[in-house]
């Protein structure tokens, strides 16, 4: 398995731990205001990262080179910043909304870079 696929799986499990922790906190506190952040961390962090890792594990030639490493960094940074800032915004800090917007665009750029990886020819 390519190292980048393994890194995606390790990152995915960390996002899952964070997402479940937020879910447990919401359940214990009875405050579900941050449900959107919980969902985004689980879906973009856990599920999408695991799917990216699966694709790269099944297509190891696509995991080689600078672009896949750049894509990983952009995507993970975007999701981490977006999940954190969305949590803070939904918890009552409205002034952080511009950070949510910018980090969402960064995460989206990571998705677009992954689309390039999928459509580019594999290195032989």
N, C-alpha and C. Protein backbone atom coordinates (compact mmCIF):
# COMPACT_ATOMS: atom_id res chain seq x y z
N UNK A 1 0.86 -1.17 0.00
CA UNK A 1 0.00 0.00 0.00
C UNK A 1 0.90 1.24 0.00
N UNK A 2 0.58 2.22 -0.83
CA UNK A 2 1.39 3.44 -0.85
C UNK A 2 1.34 4.17 0.50
N UNK A 3 2.43 4.81 0.83
CA UNK A 3 2.51 5.54 2.11
C UNK A 3 1.41 6.61 2.20
N UNK A 4 1.07 7.24 1.08
CA UNK A 4 0.04 8.29 1.12
C UNK A 4 -1.33 7.70 1.43
N UNK A 5 -1.62 6.51 0.92
CA UNK A 5 -2.89 5.85 1.25
C UNK A 5 -2.94 5.55 2.75
N UNK A 6 -1.85 5.04 3.28
CA UNK A 6 -1.77 4.76 4.72
C UNK A 6 -1.95 6.04 5.53
N UNK A 7 -1.34 7.12 5.07
CA UNK A 7 -1.49 8.41 5.76
C UNK A 7 -2.94 8.87 5.74
N UNK A 8 -3.62 8.70 4.61
CA UNK A 8 -5.04 9.05 4.55
C UNK A 8 -5.86 8.23 5.54
N UNK A 9 -5.57 6.94 5.66
CA UNK A 9 -6.31 6.11 6.62
C UNK A 9 -6.04 6.54 8.06
N UNK A 10 -4.81 6.88 8.36
CA UNK A 10 -4.48 7.35 9.71
C UNK A 10 -5.17 8.68 10.01
N UNK A 11 -5.17 9.55 9.02
CA UNK A 11 -5.85 10.84 9.18
C UNK A 11 -7.35 10.63 9.35
N UNK A 12 -7.92 9.73 8.56
CA UNK A 12 -9.36 9.45 8.63
C UNK A 12 -9.76 8.99 10.03
N UNK A 13 -8.98 8.10 10.63
CA UNK A 13 -9.35 7.59 11.95
C UNK A 13 -9.27 8.69 13.00
N UNK A 14 -8.33 9.62 12.84
CA UNK A 14 -8.26 10.76 13.77
C UNK A 14 -9.48 11.65 13.64
N UNK A 15 -9.93 11.87 12.39
CA UNK A 15 -11.16 12.65 12.19
C UNK A 15 -12.36 11.91 12.79
N UNK A 16 -12.41 10.59 12.66
CA UNK A 16 -13.51 9.82 13.24
C UNK A 16 -13.52 9.95 14.75
N UNK A 17 -12.36 9.87 15.37
CA UNK A 17 -12.27 10.04 16.83
C UNK A 17 -12.79 11.42 17.23
N UNK A 18 -12.38 12.45 16.48
CA UNK A 18 -12.85 13.81 16.77
C UNK A 18 -14.36 13.91 16.59
N UNK A 19 -14.87 13.36 15.49
CA UNK A 19 -16.31 13.44 15.21
C UNK A 19 -17.14 12.72 16.25
N UNK A 20 -16.71 11.54 16.63
CA UNK A 20 -17.44 10.79 17.67
C UNK A 20 -17.35 11.51 19.01
N UNK A 21 -16.20 12.09 19.31
CA UNK A 21 -16.06 12.84 20.57
C UNK A 21 -17.04 14.01 20.62
N UNK A 22 -17.19 14.72 19.51
CA UNK A 22 -18.16 15.82 19.46
C UNK A 22 -19.57 15.27 19.65
N UNK A 23 -19.87 14.14 19.01
CA UNK A 23 -21.19 13.53 19.17
C UNK A 23 -21.48 13.14 20.61
N UNK A 24 -20.49 12.56 21.27
CA UNK A 24 -20.66 12.18 22.68
C UNK A 24 -20.86 13.42 23.53
N UNK A 25 -20.08 14.48 23.26
CA UNK A 25 -20.23 15.73 24.01
C UNK A 25 -21.63 16.30 23.83
N UNK A 26 -22.14 16.29 22.59
CA UNK A 26 -23.49 16.81 22.35
C UNK A 26 -24.52 15.99 23.11
N UNK A 27 -24.34 14.69 23.12
CA UNK A 27 -25.29 13.82 23.81
C UNK A 27 -25.28 14.06 25.31
N UNK A 28 -24.10 14.17 25.89
CA UNK A 28 -23.99 14.38 27.33
C UNK A 28 -24.53 15.74 27.73
N UNK A 29 -24.19 16.77 26.96
CA UNK A 29 -24.59 18.14 27.31
C UNK A 29 -26.03 18.45 26.93
N UNK A 30 -26.59 17.70 25.98
CA UNK A 30 -27.93 18.00 25.50
C UNK A 30 -27.96 19.19 24.55
N UNK A 31 -26.79 19.73 24.24
CA UNK A 31 -26.67 20.87 23.34
C UNK A 31 -26.21 20.35 21.97
N UNK A 32 -27.09 20.43 20.99
CA UNK A 32 -26.80 19.92 19.66
C UNK A 32 -26.55 21.04 18.65
N UNK A 33 -26.15 22.20 19.14
CA UNK A 33 -25.93 23.36 18.26
C UNK A 33 -24.80 23.13 17.27
N UNK A 34 -23.86 22.28 17.60
CA UNK A 34 -22.70 22.07 16.74
C UNK A 34 -22.85 20.83 15.85
N UNK A 35 -24.08 20.38 15.65
CA UNK A 35 -24.33 19.18 14.86
C UNK A 35 -23.75 19.29 13.44
N UNK A 36 -23.79 20.47 12.86
CA UNK A 36 -23.24 20.65 11.52
C UNK A 36 -21.74 20.39 11.47
N UNK A 37 -21.02 20.82 12.49
CA UNK A 37 -19.58 20.57 12.55
C UNK A 37 -19.32 19.08 12.74
N UNK A 38 -20.09 18.44 13.60
CA UNK A 38 -19.99 17.00 13.82
C UNK A 38 -20.17 16.24 12.51
N UNK A 39 -21.17 16.62 11.74
CA UNK A 39 -21.45 15.96 10.46
C UNK A 39 -20.33 16.20 9.45
N UNK A 40 -19.85 17.44 9.35
CA UNK A 40 -18.80 17.75 8.40
C UNK A 40 -17.49 17.03 8.74
N UNK A 41 -17.15 16.98 10.01
CA UNK A 41 -15.93 16.29 10.43
C UNK A 41 -16.03 14.80 10.11
N UNK A 42 -17.20 14.21 10.36
CA UNK A 42 -17.37 12.79 10.06
C UNK A 42 -17.39 12.51 8.56
N UNK A 43 -18.11 13.31 7.80
CA UNK A 43 -18.24 13.03 6.37
C UNK A 43 -17.02 13.45 5.57
N UNK A 44 -16.55 14.67 5.76
CA UNK A 44 -15.38 15.12 5.01
C UNK A 44 -14.09 14.57 5.60
N UNK A 45 -14.03 14.50 6.91
CA UNK A 45 -12.81 14.03 7.56
C UNK A 45 -12.67 12.53 7.52
N UNK A 46 -13.63 11.82 8.08
CA UNK A 46 -13.54 10.36 8.17
C UNK A 46 -13.85 9.68 6.84
N UNK A 47 -15.05 9.89 6.32
CA UNK A 47 -15.50 9.13 5.15
C UNK A 47 -14.70 9.50 3.90
N UNK A 48 -14.60 10.78 3.59
CA UNK A 48 -13.92 11.17 2.36
C UNK A 48 -12.43 10.85 2.42
N UNK A 49 -11.80 11.07 3.56
CA UNK A 49 -10.38 10.72 3.67
C UNK A 49 -10.18 9.22 3.48
N UNK A 50 -11.05 8.41 4.06
CA UNK A 50 -10.95 6.96 3.89
C UNK A 50 -11.16 6.56 2.43
N UNK A 51 -12.09 7.24 1.76
CA UNK A 51 -12.31 6.95 0.34
C UNK A 51 -11.10 7.37 -0.51
N UNK A 52 -10.51 8.52 -0.20
CA UNK A 52 -9.30 8.94 -0.91
C UNK A 52 -8.19 7.90 -0.69
N UNK A 53 -8.03 7.45 0.55
CA UNK A 53 -7.02 6.44 0.85
C UNK A 53 -7.29 5.13 0.12
N UNK A 54 -8.55 4.73 0.04
CA UNK A 54 -8.91 3.51 -0.67
C UNK A 54 -8.57 3.62 -2.16
N UNK A 55 -8.93 4.76 -2.76
CA UNK A 55 -8.62 4.96 -4.17
C UNK A 55 -7.12 4.87 -4.41
N UNK A 56 -6.35 5.52 -3.57
CA UNK A 56 -4.89 5.51 -3.74
C UNK A 56 -4.30 4.12 -3.47
N UNK A 57 -4.89 3.37 -2.55
CA UNK A 57 -4.42 2.01 -2.29
C UNK A 57 -4.69 1.11 -3.50
N UNK A 58 -5.81 1.34 -4.15
CA UNK A 58 -6.17 0.54 -5.32
C UNK A 58 -5.46 1.00 -6.59
N UNK A 59 -4.96 2.23 -6.58
CA UNK A 59 -4.27 2.82 -7.73
C UNK A 59 -2.94 3.41 -7.27
N UNK A 60 -2.00 2.57 -6.86
CA UNK A 60 -0.77 3.07 -6.25
C UNK A 60 0.03 4.02 -7.14
N UNK A 61 -0.06 3.87 -8.45
CA UNK A 61 0.67 4.78 -9.34
C UNK A 61 0.15 6.21 -9.21
N UNK A 62 -1.11 6.37 -8.83
CA UNK A 62 -1.70 7.70 -8.67
C UNK A 62 -1.24 8.37 -7.37
N UNK A 63 -0.63 7.61 -6.47
CA UNK A 63 -0.17 8.16 -5.19
C UNK A 63 1.24 8.71 -5.27
N UNK A 64 1.89 8.54 -6.42
CA UNK A 64 3.29 8.97 -6.57
C UNK A 64 3.37 10.40 -7.07
N UNK A 65 4.40 11.09 -6.64
CA UNK A 65 4.66 12.44 -7.14
C UNK A 65 4.24 13.53 -6.19
N UNK A 66 4.48 14.74 -6.62
CA UNK A 66 4.20 15.92 -5.81
C UNK A 66 2.70 16.22 -5.69
N UNK A 67 1.96 16.11 -6.78
CA UNK A 67 0.54 16.49 -6.76
C UNK A 67 -0.26 15.74 -5.70
N UNK A 68 -0.15 14.43 -5.57
CA UNK A 68 -0.92 13.74 -4.53
C UNK A 68 -0.55 14.20 -3.11
N UNK A 69 0.71 14.46 -2.87
CA UNK A 69 1.12 14.95 -1.54
C UNK A 69 0.58 16.36 -1.30
N UNK A 70 0.64 17.21 -2.32
CA UNK A 70 0.08 18.55 -2.22
C UNK A 70 -1.42 18.49 -1.97
N UNK A 71 -2.09 17.62 -2.70
CA UNK A 71 -3.54 17.46 -2.54
C UNK A 71 -3.88 17.04 -1.12
N UNK A 72 -3.13 16.09 -0.57
CA UNK A 72 -3.36 15.65 0.81
C UNK A 72 -3.24 16.84 1.77
N UNK A 73 -2.17 17.60 1.64
CA UNK A 73 -1.96 18.73 2.55
C UNK A 73 -3.06 19.78 2.44
N UNK A 74 -3.43 20.12 1.22
CA UNK A 74 -4.49 21.13 1.02
C UNK A 74 -5.80 20.63 1.60
N UNK A 75 -6.16 19.39 1.27
CA UNK A 75 -7.45 18.86 1.72
C UNK A 75 -7.52 18.76 3.24
N UNK A 76 -6.52 18.16 3.84
CA UNK A 76 -6.55 17.95 5.30
C UNK A 76 -6.52 19.28 6.03
N UNK A 77 -5.69 20.21 5.58
CA UNK A 77 -5.67 21.55 6.19
C UNK A 77 -7.04 22.20 6.08
N UNK A 78 -7.65 22.12 4.91
CA UNK A 78 -8.98 22.72 4.72
C UNK A 78 -10.03 22.11 5.61
N UNK A 79 -10.08 20.79 5.68
CA UNK A 79 -11.09 20.12 6.50
C UNK A 79 -10.85 20.38 7.98
N UNK A 80 -9.60 20.35 8.41
CA UNK A 80 -9.27 20.62 9.81
C UNK A 80 -9.68 22.04 10.20
N UNK A 81 -9.31 23.01 9.38
CA UNK A 81 -9.65 24.40 9.67
C UNK A 81 -11.16 24.64 9.57
N UNK A 82 -11.79 24.04 8.57
CA UNK A 82 -13.23 24.22 8.40
C UNK A 82 -14.01 23.58 9.54
N UNK A 83 -13.63 22.35 9.92
CA UNK A 83 -14.34 21.68 11.01
C UNK A 83 -14.22 22.42 12.33
N UNK A 84 -13.00 22.88 12.61
CA UNK A 84 -12.76 23.62 13.85
C UNK A 84 -13.50 24.95 13.86
N UNK A 85 -13.37 25.71 12.78
CA UNK A 85 -14.01 27.03 12.73
C UNK A 85 -15.54 26.91 12.66
N UNK A 86 -16.04 25.89 11.99
CA UNK A 86 -17.49 25.69 11.95
C UNK A 86 -18.01 25.35 13.34
N UNK A 87 -17.28 24.53 14.06
CA UNK A 87 -17.66 24.21 15.45
C UNK A 87 -17.75 25.50 16.27
N UNK A 88 -16.71 26.33 16.18
CA UNK A 88 -16.70 27.57 16.96
C UNK A 88 -17.82 28.52 16.54
N UNK A 89 -18.09 28.60 15.24
CA UNK A 89 -19.15 29.48 14.76
C UNK A 89 -20.51 28.99 15.26
N UNK A 90 -20.77 27.69 15.13
CA UNK A 90 -22.06 27.15 15.57
C UNK A 90 -22.23 27.20 17.08
N UNK A 91 -21.10 27.27 17.78
CA UNK A 91 -21.14 27.38 19.24
C UNK A 91 -21.34 28.82 19.70
N UNK A 92 -21.49 29.76 18.75
CA UNK A 92 -21.83 31.12 19.13
C UNK A 92 -20.84 32.19 18.74
N UNK A 93 -19.72 31.83 18.11
CA UNK A 93 -18.72 32.82 17.71
C UNK A 93 -18.93 33.20 16.25
N UNK A 94 -19.89 34.08 16.01
CA UNK A 94 -20.27 34.47 14.64
C UNK A 94 -19.14 35.16 13.89
N UNK A 95 -18.21 35.77 14.60
CA UNK A 95 -17.14 36.53 13.95
C UNK A 95 -16.17 35.63 13.18
N UNK A 96 -16.23 34.33 13.41
CA UNK A 96 -15.30 33.41 12.74
C UNK A 96 -15.85 32.92 11.40
N UNK A 97 -17.01 33.41 11.01
CA UNK A 97 -17.63 32.96 9.74
C UNK A 97 -16.71 33.12 8.53
N UNK A 98 -15.93 34.21 8.41
CA UNK A 98 -15.01 34.29 7.25
C UNK A 98 -13.98 33.16 7.21
N UNK A 99 -13.56 32.69 8.38
CA UNK A 99 -12.61 31.57 8.43
C UNK A 99 -13.30 30.30 7.92
N UNK A 100 -14.56 30.12 8.28
CA UNK A 100 -15.33 28.97 7.79
C UNK A 100 -15.41 29.03 6.27
N UNK A 101 -15.69 30.21 5.74
CA UNK A 101 -15.82 30.36 4.29
C UNK A 101 -14.50 30.06 3.57
N UNK A 102 -13.42 30.64 4.03
CA UNK A 102 -12.12 30.44 3.37
C UNK A 102 -11.67 28.99 3.50
N UNK A 103 -11.81 28.42 4.68
CA UNK A 103 -11.36 27.03 4.87
C UNK A 103 -12.22 26.06 4.07
N UNK A 104 -13.50 26.37 3.87
CA UNK A 104 -14.35 25.55 3.02
C UNK A 104 -13.84 25.56 1.58
N UNK A 105 -13.41 26.73 1.13
CA UNK A 105 -12.85 26.84 -0.22
C UNK A 105 -11.53 26.07 -0.34
N UNK A 106 -10.74 26.07 0.72
CA UNK A 106 -9.48 25.31 0.72
C UNK A 106 -9.79 23.81 0.63
N UNK A 107 -10.76 23.34 1.41
CA UNK A 107 -11.15 21.93 1.35
C UNK A 107 -11.66 21.58 -0.05
N UNK A 108 -12.44 22.47 -0.63
CA UNK A 108 -12.96 22.26 -1.98
C UNK A 108 -11.82 22.20 -2.99
N UNK A 109 -10.82 23.05 -2.81
CA UNK A 109 -9.64 23.00 -3.68
C UNK A 109 -8.97 21.63 -3.58
N UNK A 110 -8.94 21.06 -2.38
CA UNK A 110 -8.39 19.72 -2.21
C UNK A 110 -9.19 18.67 -2.95
N UNK A 111 -10.51 18.83 -2.97
CA UNK A 111 -11.36 17.90 -3.73
C UNK A 111 -11.09 18.06 -5.23
N UNK A 112 -10.96 19.29 -5.68
CA UNK A 112 -10.68 19.52 -7.10
C UNK A 112 -9.32 18.94 -7.49
N UNK A 113 -8.33 19.07 -6.62
CA UNK A 113 -7.03 18.46 -6.90
C UNK A 113 -7.14 16.94 -6.97
N UNK A 114 -7.99 16.36 -6.12
CA UNK A 114 -8.17 14.91 -6.19
C UNK A 114 -8.84 14.52 -7.50
N UNK A 115 -9.74 15.35 -7.99
CA UNK A 115 -10.36 15.09 -9.30
C UNK A 115 -9.29 15.08 -10.39
N UNK A 116 -8.33 15.99 -10.30
CA UNK A 116 -7.23 16.00 -11.27
C UNK A 116 -6.46 14.70 -11.19
N UNK A 117 -6.19 14.23 -9.97
CA UNK A 117 -5.46 12.97 -9.78
C UNK A 117 -6.23 11.81 -10.41
N UNK A 118 -7.52 11.78 -10.22
CA UNK A 118 -8.34 10.70 -10.77
C UNK A 118 -8.30 10.71 -12.31
N UNK A 119 -8.38 11.91 -12.89
CA UNK A 119 -8.46 11.99 -14.35
C UNK A 119 -7.11 11.98 -15.05
N UNK A 120 -6.03 12.24 -14.33
CA UNK A 120 -4.72 12.25 -14.99
C UNK A 120 -4.28 10.81 -15.26
N UNK A 121 -3.49 10.63 -16.32
CA UNK A 121 -3.00 9.28 -16.59
C UNK A 121 -2.04 8.82 -15.49
N UNK A 122 -2.09 7.55 -15.19
CA UNK A 122 -1.19 6.99 -14.17
C UNK A 122 0.23 6.95 -14.70
N UNK A 123 1.17 7.19 -13.82
CA UNK A 123 2.59 7.05 -14.20
C UNK A 123 2.90 5.59 -14.35
N UNK A 124 3.73 5.27 -15.29
CA UNK A 124 4.06 3.85 -15.48
C UNK A 124 5.35 3.47 -14.79
